[in-house]
């Protein structure tokens, strides 16, 4: 899968997310591209916001349980992680959850099934 997410776009996402009314507790980075994942993690770590490791670096079941039992209220997701996201969403009880679909220009139809969450995609970038 080809990624076209330069540093500038990661920075734009960080700026959009930090300008929302929802304080970021911690972030689940469900991104299978390690350089992109690291860019996001570095930015959030500079702001003292905990990030969860990529799925490839952790046991998926342990990571899912850790995310579900944490204060995580932001998911940043690429298309390859949608199956995991769909497993996590029904278990989430938080209403202030923000989910960023970094590879989508427009909101996919399946997101309408999860009206309790706030989805963002590339059209939300300045």
Protein backbone atom coordinates (compact mmCIF):
# COMPACT_ATOMS: atom_id res chain seq x y z
CA UNK A 1 0.00 0.00 0.00
CA UNK A 2 1.34 3.39 -0.94
CA UNK A 3 1.41 6.12 1.70
CA UNK A 4 1.45 9.77 0.78
CA UNK A 5 1.41 11.25 4.23
CA UNK A 6 4.29 13.71 4.44
CA UNK A 7 5.47 15.34 7.63
CA UNK A 8 3.40 18.41 6.80
CA UNK A 9 0.18 16.37 6.74
CA UNK A 10 1.02 14.67 10.05
CA UNK A 11 1.62 18.11 11.53
CA UNK A 12 -1.69 19.32 10.07
CA UNK A 13 -3.50 16.39 11.72
CA UNK A 14 -1.84 17.16 15.05
CA UNK A 15 -2.91 20.81 14.77
CA UNK A 16 -6.51 19.87 13.93
CA UNK A 17 -6.71 17.34 16.75
CA UNK A 18 -5.24 19.63 19.39
CA UNK A 19 -7.66 22.39 18.41
CA UNK A 20 -10.77 20.30 19.14
CA UNK A 21 -12.80 20.73 22.30
CA UNK A 22 -12.00 17.16 23.30
CA UNK A 23 -8.86 16.85 25.40
CA UNK A 24 -6.69 14.04 24.11
CA UNK A 25 -6.15 11.47 26.87
CA UNK A 26 -4.12 8.91 24.91
CA UNK A 27 -3.87 7.76 21.30
CA UNK A 28 -4.13 4.36 19.63
CA UNK A 29 -2.04 4.45 16.46
CA UNK A 30 -3.50 1.76 14.22
CA UNK A 31 -1.14 2.48 11.35
CA UNK A 32 0.81 -0.30 9.67
CA UNK A 33 3.38 2.01 8.12
CA UNK A 34 6.11 2.36 10.74
CA UNK A 35 7.59 5.71 9.54
CA UNK A 36 4.14 7.34 9.55
CA UNK A 37 3.33 5.74 12.89
CA UNK A 38 6.60 7.04 14.34
CA UNK A 39 5.90 10.57 13.08
CA UNK A 40 2.58 10.62 14.92
CA UNK A 41 4.05 8.99 18.04
CA UNK A 42 6.92 11.50 18.18
CA UNK A 43 4.53 14.45 17.89
CA UNK A 44 2.20 13.16 20.61
CA UNK A 45 5.06 12.15 22.90
CA UNK A 46 6.42 15.71 22.73
CA UNK A 47 3.05 16.81 24.13
CA UNK A 48 3.22 14.13 26.87
CA UNK A 49 0.30 12.21 25.36
CA UNK A 50 0.57 8.43 25.65
CA UNK A 51 0.50 6.46 22.42
CA UNK A 52 -0.12 2.76 22.01
CA UNK A 53 2.31 0.79 19.83
CA UNK A 54 1.48 -0.46 16.37
CA UNK A 55 -0.28 -3.81 16.26
CA UNK A 56 2.70 -5.48 14.59
CA UNK A 57 4.84 -4.68 17.64
CA UNK A 58 2.41 -6.04 20.21
CA UNK A 59 0.14 -9.02 20.70
CA UNK A 60 -3.18 -7.83 19.17
CA UNK A 61 -5.29 -9.29 21.99
CA UNK A 62 -3.17 -7.73 24.72
CA UNK A 63 -3.13 -4.39 22.91
CA UNK A 64 -6.90 -4.46 22.36
CA UNK A 65 -7.48 -5.11 26.07
CA UNK A 66 -5.05 -2.37 27.05
CA UNK A 67 -6.78 0.14 24.77
CA UNK A 68 -10.27 -0.87 25.94
CA UNK A 69 -9.28 -0.54 29.60
CA UNK A 70 -7.48 2.78 29.18
CA UNK A 71 -8.47 6.42 28.86
CA UNK A 72 -7.76 6.28 25.10
CA UNK A 73 -10.11 8.62 23.25
CA UNK A 74 -8.33 9.03 19.91
CA UNK A 75 -7.72 6.42 17.23
CA UNK A 76 -5.61 7.24 14.19
CA UNK A 77 -6.23 4.52 11.63
CA UNK A 78 -5.14 3.48 8.16
CA UNK A 79 -7.22 1.27 5.85
CA UNK A 80 -5.30 -1.89 6.68
CA UNK A 81 -6.41 -1.52 10.32
CA UNK A 82 -10.14 -1.16 9.66
CA UNK A 83 -10.87 -4.80 10.65
CA UNK A 84 -9.24 -4.19 14.05
CA UNK A 85 -11.05 -0.87 14.41
CA UNK A 86 -14.38 -2.59 13.75
CA UNK A 87 -13.55 -5.05 16.53
CA UNK A 88 -12.68 -2.28 18.97
CA UNK A 89 -15.58 0.10 18.31
CA UNK A 90 -18.46 -1.99 19.66
CA UNK A 91 -16.53 -2.42 22.91
CA UNK A 92 -15.86 1.29 23.38
CA UNK A 93 -18.22 2.97 25.82
CA UNK A 94 -16.81 6.47 25.49
CA UNK A 95 -18.85 9.12 23.69
CA UNK A 96 -15.97 11.56 23.26
CA UNK A 97 -14.05 9.23 20.95
CA UNK A 98 -12.40 10.74 17.87
CA UNK A 99 -11.39 8.44 15.01
CA UNK A 100 -9.13 9.75 12.27
CA UNK A 101 -9.17 7.84 8.97
CA UNK A 102 -5.91 9.15 7.56
CA UNK A 103 -6.22 7.63 4.08
CA UNK A 104 -9.80 8.62 3.32
CA UNK A 105 -10.62 11.71 1.34
CA UNK A 106 -14.32 11.32 2.22
CA UNK A 107 -16.11 9.56 5.02
CA UNK A 108 -16.75 5.88 4.16
CA UNK A 109 -20.36 4.68 4.38
CA UNK A 110 -19.63 2.19 7.15
CA UNK A 111 -18.88 5.04 9.57
CA UNK A 112 -22.58 5.95 9.72
CA UNK A 113 -23.17 2.80 11.76
CA UNK A 114 -21.14 4.33 14.60
CA UNK A 115 -22.92 7.64 15.21
CA UNK A 116 -21.69 7.88 18.81
CA UNK A 117 -18.13 8.59 17.58
CA UNK A 118 -16.66 11.57 15.80
CA UNK A 119 -14.89 10.56 12.57
CA UNK A 120 -12.43 12.74 10.70
CA UNK A 121 -10.92 12.27 7.26
CA UNK A 122 -8.73 14.28 4.88
CA UNK A 123 -11.56 16.68 4.05
CA UNK A 124 -11.24 17.93 7.65
CA UNK A 125 -7.67 19.11 7.12
CA UNK A 126 -7.12 22.82 6.42
